[in-house]
Amino acid sequence: MLMCRDLARIASDYIDGELGPMDTVSVKMHLMMCGHCRTFIGNLRSSVNLMKA
């Protein structure tokens, strides 16, 4: 099972769509169970979008 610290390491790759299918599924499963990581991913996604704008 993916741990929060593992997700933090691969979060940028996840947001950029650069993870393989198995890793993507692992992240999505973790995000279903972990509100803190959902918030983290949401904030990271917002930051990335802001930087692109």
PDB file of N, CA and C in Angstrom:
ATOM      1  N   MET A   1       0.840  -1.190   0.000  1.00  0.00           N
ATOM      2  CA  MET A   1       0.000   0.000   0.000  1.00  0.00           C
ATOM      3  C   MET A   1       0.879   1.246   0.000  1.00  0.00           C
ATOM      4  N   LEU A   2       0.481   2.213  -0.753  1.00  0.00           N
ATOM      5  CA  LEU A   2       1.205   3.473  -0.879  1.00  0.00           C
ATOM      6  C   LEU A   2       1.055   4.278   0.412  1.00  0.00           C
ATOM      7  N   MET A   3       2.148   4.783   0.918  1.00  0.00           N
ATOM      8  CA  MET A   3       2.145   5.608   2.124  1.00  0.00           C
ATOM      9  C   MET A   3       2.150   7.083   1.710  1.00  0.00           C
ATOM     10  N   CYS A   4       1.768   7.954   2.633  1.00  0.00           N
ATOM     11  CA  CYS A   4       1.706   9.389   2.350  1.00  0.00           C
ATOM     12  C   CYS A   4       3.053   9.923   1.868  1.00  0.00           C
ATOM     13  N   ARG A   5       4.124   9.510   2.509  1.00  0.00           N
ATOM     14  CA  ARG A   5       5.452  10.005   2.107  1.00  0.00           C
ATOM     15  C   ARG A   5       5.808   9.540   0.692  1.00  0.00           C
ATOM     16  N   ASP A   6       5.343   8.350   0.300  1.00  0.00           N
ATOM     17  CA  ASP A   6       5.586   7.859  -1.056  1.00  0.00           C
ATOM     18  C   ASP A   6       4.798   8.683  -2.073  1.00  0.00           C
ATOM     19  N   LEU A   7       3.571   9.001  -1.721  1.00  0.00           N
ATOM     20  CA  LEU A   7       2.751   9.819  -2.609  1.00  0.00           C
ATOM     21  C   LEU A   7       3.375  11.196  -2.792  1.00  0.00           C
ATOM     22  N   ALA A   8       3.896  11.768  -1.717  1.00  0.00           N
ATOM     23  CA  ALA A   8       4.518  13.087  -1.808  1.00  0.00           C
ATOM     24  C   ALA A   8       5.688  13.090  -2.781  1.00  0.00           C
ATOM     25  N   ARG A   9       6.411  11.978  -2.837  1.00  0.00           N
ATOM     26  CA  ARG A   9       7.560  11.885  -3.752  1.00  0.00           C
ATOM     27  C   ARG A   9       7.159  11.824  -5.216  1.00  0.00           C
ATOM     28  N   ILE A  10       5.994  11.230  -5.495  1.00  0.00           N
ATOM     29  CA  ILE A  10       5.590  11.041  -6.894  1.00  0.00           C
ATOM     30  C   ILE A  10       4.422  11.931  -7.298  1.00  0.00           C
ATOM     31  N   ALA A  11       4.036  12.865  -6.426  1.00  0.00           N
ATOM     32  CA  ALA A  11       2.861  13.706  -6.678  1.00  0.00           C
ATOM     33  C   ALA A  11       2.972  14.500  -7.976  1.00  0.00           C
ATOM     34  N   SER A  12       4.125  15.084  -8.235  1.00  0.00           N
ATOM     35  CA  SER A  12       4.287  15.873  -9.464  1.00  0.00           C
ATOM     36  C   SER A  12       4.148  15.006 -10.706  1.00  0.00           C
ATOM     37  N   ASP A  13       4.731  13.816 -10.659  1.00  0.00           N
ATOM     38  CA  ASP A  13       4.599  12.898 -11.793  1.00  0.00           C
ATOM     39  C   ASP A  13       3.141  12.493 -11.986  1.00  0.00           C
ATOM     40  N   TYR A  14       2.422  12.294 -10.895  1.00  0.00           N
ATOM     41  CA  TYR A  14       1.000  11.949 -10.979  1.00  0.00           C
ATOM     42  C   TYR A  14       0.213  13.079 -11.645  1.00  0.00           C
ATOM     43  N   ILE A  15       0.429  14.292 -11.189  1.00  0.00           N
ATOM     44  CA  ILE A  15      -0.284  15.444 -11.746  1.00  0.00           C
ATOM     45  C   ILE A  15       0.046  15.644 -13.223  1.00  0.00           C
ATOM     46  N   ASP A  16       1.293  15.382 -13.582  1.00  0.00           N
ATOM     47  CA  ASP A  16       1.721  15.540 -14.978  1.00  0.00           C
ATOM     48  C   ASP A  16       1.332  14.357 -15.853  1.00  0.00           C
ATOM     49  N   GLY A  17       0.732  13.322 -15.274  1.00  0.00           N
ATOM     50  CA  GLY A  17       0.324  12.142 -16.039  1.00  0.00           C
ATOM     51  C   GLY A  17       1.490  11.284 -16.493  1.00  0.00           C
ATOM     52  N   GLU A  18       2.579  11.310 -15.733  1.00  0.00           N
ATOM     53  CA  GLU A  18       3.789  10.595 -16.127  1.00  0.00           C
ATOM     54  C   GLU A  18       3.984   9.262 -15.404  1.00  0.00           C
ATOM     55  N   LEU A  19       3.017   8.855 -14.590  1.00  0.00           N
ATOM     56  CA  LEU A  19       3.134   7.575 -13.895  1.00  0.00           C
ATOM     57  C   LEU A  19       2.583   6.450 -14.766  1.00  0.00           C
ATOM     58  N   GLY A  20       3.078   5.267 -14.535  1.00  0.00           N
ATOM     59  CA  GLY A  20       2.543   4.095 -15.215  1.00  0.00           C
ATOM     60  C   GLY A  20       1.167   3.752 -14.658  1.00  0.00           C
ATOM     61  N   PRO A  21       0.469   2.851 -15.309  1.00  0.00           N
ATOM     62  CA  PRO A  21      -0.901   2.507 -14.897  1.00  0.00           C
ATOM     63  C   PRO A  21      -0.995   1.970 -13.461  1.00  0.00           C
ATOM     64  N   MET A  22      -0.068   1.127 -13.059  1.00  0.00           N
ATOM     65  CA  MET A  22      -0.120   0.546 -11.710  1.00  0.00           C
ATOM     66  C   MET A  22       0.108   1.619 -10.640  1.00  0.00           C
ATOM     67  N   ASP A  23       1.065   2.504 -10.868  1.00  0.00           N
ATOM     68  CA  ASP A  23       1.325   3.575  -9.912  1.00  0.00           C
ATOM     69  C   ASP A  23       0.147   4.545  -9.847  1.00  0.00           C
ATOM     70  N   THR A  24      -0.457   4.822 -10.979  1.00  0.00           N
ATOM     71  CA  THR A  24      -1.616   5.710 -11.017  1.00  0.00           C
ATOM     72  C   THR A  24      -2.765   5.130 -10.203  1.00  0.00           C
ATOM     73  N   VAL A  25      -2.998   3.840 -10.351  1.00  0.00           N
ATOM     74  CA  VAL A  25      -4.055   3.177  -9.577  1.00  0.00           C
ATOM     75  C   VAL A  25      -3.725   3.231  -8.090  1.00  0.00           C
ATOM     76  N   SER A  26      -2.472   3.020  -7.736  1.00  0.00           N
ATOM     77  CA  SER A  26      -2.062   3.086  -6.331  1.00  0.00           C
ATOM     78  C   SER A  26      -2.311   4.470  -5.747  1.00  0.00           C
ATOM     79  N   VAL A  27      -1.978   5.501  -6.509  1.00  0.00           N
ATOM     80  CA  VAL A  27      -2.209   6.873  -6.044  1.00  0.00           C
ATOM     81  C   VAL A  27      -3.704   7.114  -5.874  1.00  0.00           C
ATOM     82  N   LYS A  28      -4.497   6.724  -6.853  1.00  0.00           N
ATOM     83  CA  LYS A  28      -5.944   6.958  -6.777  1.00  0.00           C
ATOM     84  C   LYS A  28      -6.563   6.224  -5.597  1.00  0.00           C
ATOM     85  N   MET A  29      -6.115   5.016  -5.330  1.00  0.00           N
ATOM     86  CA  MET A  29      -6.625   4.265  -4.180  1.00  0.00           C
ATOM     87  C   MET A  29      -6.253   4.966  -2.877  1.00  0.00           C
ATOM     88  N   HIS A  30      -5.018   5.439  -2.798  1.00  0.00           N
ATOM     89  CA  HIS A  30      -4.583   6.150  -1.604  1.00  0.00           C
ATOM     90  C   HIS A  30      -5.404   7.422  -1.406  1.00  0.00           C
ATOM     91  N   LEU A  31      -5.636   8.148  -2.486  1.00  0.00           N
ATOM     92  CA  LEU A  31      -6.383   9.404  -2.394  1.00  0.00           C
ATOM     93  C   LEU A  31      -7.832   9.177  -1.957  1.00  0.00           C
ATOM     94  N   MET A  32      -8.401   8.019  -2.296  1.00  0.00           N
ATOM     95  CA  MET A  32      -9.759   7.708  -1.853  1.00  0.00           C
ATOM     96  C   MET A  32      -9.830   7.576  -0.335  1.00  0.00           C
ATOM     97  N   MET A  33      -8.724   7.165   0.284  1.00  0.00           N
ATOM     98  CA  MET A  33      -8.725   6.903   1.725  1.00  0.00           C
ATOM     99  C   MET A  33      -8.082   7.999   2.556  1.00  0.00           C
ATOM    100  N   CYS A  34      -7.362   8.933   1.934  1.00  0.00           N
ATOM    101  CA  CYS A  34      -6.572   9.886   2.704  1.00  0.00           C
ATOM    102  C   CYS A  34      -6.937  11.328   2.343  1.00  0.00           C
ATOM    103  N   GLY A  35      -7.676  11.955   3.209  1.00  0.00           N
ATOM    104  CA  GLY A  35      -8.090  13.337   2.984  1.00  0.00           C
ATOM    105  C   GLY A  35      -6.931  14.315   2.968  1.00  0.00           C
ATOM    106  N   HIS A  36      -5.921  14.045   3.780  1.00  0.00           N
ATOM    107  CA  HIS A  36      -4.754  14.936   3.812  1.00  0.00           C
ATOM    108  C   HIS A  36      -4.044  14.943   2.463  1.00  0.00           C
ATOM    109  N   CYS A  37      -3.888  13.780   1.867  1.00  0.00           N
ATOM    110  CA  CYS A  37      -3.216  13.705   0.561  1.00  0.00           C
ATOM    111  C   CYS A  37      -4.094  14.274  -0.544  1.00  0.00           C
ATOM    112  N   ARG A  38      -5.423  14.126  -0.420  1.00  0.00           N
ATOM    113  CA  ARG A  38      -6.310  14.761  -1.406  1.00  0.00           C
ATOM    114  C   ARG A  38      -6.125  16.271  -1.367  1.00  0.00           C
ATOM    115  N   THR A  39      -6.034  16.819  -0.164  1.00  0.00           N
ATOM    116  CA  THR A  39      -5.796  18.255  -0.023  1.00  0.00           C
ATOM    117  C   THR A  39      -4.440  18.628  -0.600  1.00  0.00           C
ATOM    118  N   PHE A  40      -3.424  17.833  -0.301  1.00  0.00           N
ATOM    119  CA  PHE A  40      -2.076  18.086  -0.806  1.00  0.00           C
ATOM    120  C   PHE A  40      -2.056  18.089  -2.333  1.00  0.00           C
ATOM    121  N   ILE A  41      -2.658  17.088  -2.944  1.00  0.00           N
ATOM    122  CA  ILE A  41      -2.694  16.993  -4.412  1.00  0.00           C
ATOM    123  C   ILE A  41      -3.484  18.171  -4.989  1.00  0.00           C
ATOM    124  N   GLY A  42      -4.595  18.520  -4.356  1.00  0.00           N
ATOM    125  CA  GLY A  42      -5.379  19.663  -4.825  1.00  0.00           C
ATOM    126  C   GLY A  42      -4.590  20.957  -4.781  1.00  0.00           C
ATOM    127  N   ASN A  43      -3.871  21.165  -3.695  1.00  0.00           N
ATOM    128  CA  ASN A  43      -3.048  22.375  -3.572  1.00  0.00           C
ATOM    129  C   ASN A  43      -1.904  22.378  -4.576  1.00  0.00           C
ATOM    130  N   LEU A  44      -1.282  21.232  -4.764  1.00  0.00           N
ATOM    131  CA  LEU A  44      -0.187  21.132  -5.735  1.00  0.00           C
ATOM    132  C   LEU A  44      -0.702  21.387  -7.144  1.00  0.00           C
ATOM    133  N   ARG A  45      -1.857  20.824  -7.452  1.00  0.00           N
ATOM    134  CA  ARG A  45      -2.466  21.026  -8.771  1.00  0.00           C
ATOM    135  C   ARG A  45      -2.774  22.507  -8.999  1.00  0.00           C
ATOM    136  N   SER A  46      -3.307  23.167  -7.982  1.00  0.00           N
ATOM    137  CA  SER A  46      -3.597  24.598  -8.087  1.00  0.00           C
ATOM    138  C   SER A  46      -2.325  25.402  -8.303  1.00  0.00           C
ATOM    139  N   SER A  47      -1.269  25.048  -7.596  1.00  0.00           N
ATOM    140  CA  SER A  47       0.011  25.744  -7.758  1.00  0.00           C
ATOM    141  C   SER A  47       0.567  25.572  -9.156  1.00  0.00           C
ATOM    142  N   VAL A  48       0.499  24.361  -9.677  1.00  0.00           N
ATOM    143  CA  VAL A  48       0.996  24.082 -11.035  1.00  0.00           C
ATOM    144  C   VAL A  48       0.195  24.895 -12.053  1.00  0.00           C
ATOM    145  N   ASN A  49      -1.132  24.900 -11.900  1.00  0.00           N
ATOM    146  CA  ASN A  49      -1.974  25.650 -12.835  1.00  0.00           C
ATOM    147  C   ASN A  49      -1.703  27.143 -12.761  1.00  0.00           C
ATOM    148  N   LEU A  50      -1.464  27.644 -11.550  1.00  0.00           N
ATOM    149  CA  LEU A  50      -1.152  29.052 -11.379  1.00  0.00           C
ATOM    150  C   LEU A  50       0.167  29.407 -12.062  1.00  0.00           C
ATOM    151  N   MET A  51       1.150  28.547 -11.937  1.00  0.00           N
ATOM    152  CA  MET A  51       2.454  28.794 -12.563  1.00  0.00           C
ATOM    153  C   MET A  51       2.372  28.738 -14.083  1.00  0.00           C
ATOM    154  N   LYS A  52       1.479  27.899 -14.596  1.00  0.00           N
ATOM    155  CA  LYS A  52       1.311  27.804 -16.054  1.00  0.00           C
ATOM    156  C   LYS A  52       0.614  29.035 -16.619  1.00  0.00           C
ATOM    157  N   ALA A  53      -0.203  29.678 -15.792  1.00  0.00           N
ATOM    158  CA  ALA A  53      -1.020  30.821 -16.266  1.00  0.00           C
ATOM    159  C   ALA A  53      -0.229  32.058 -16.451  1.00  0.00           C
TER     160      ALA A  53
END
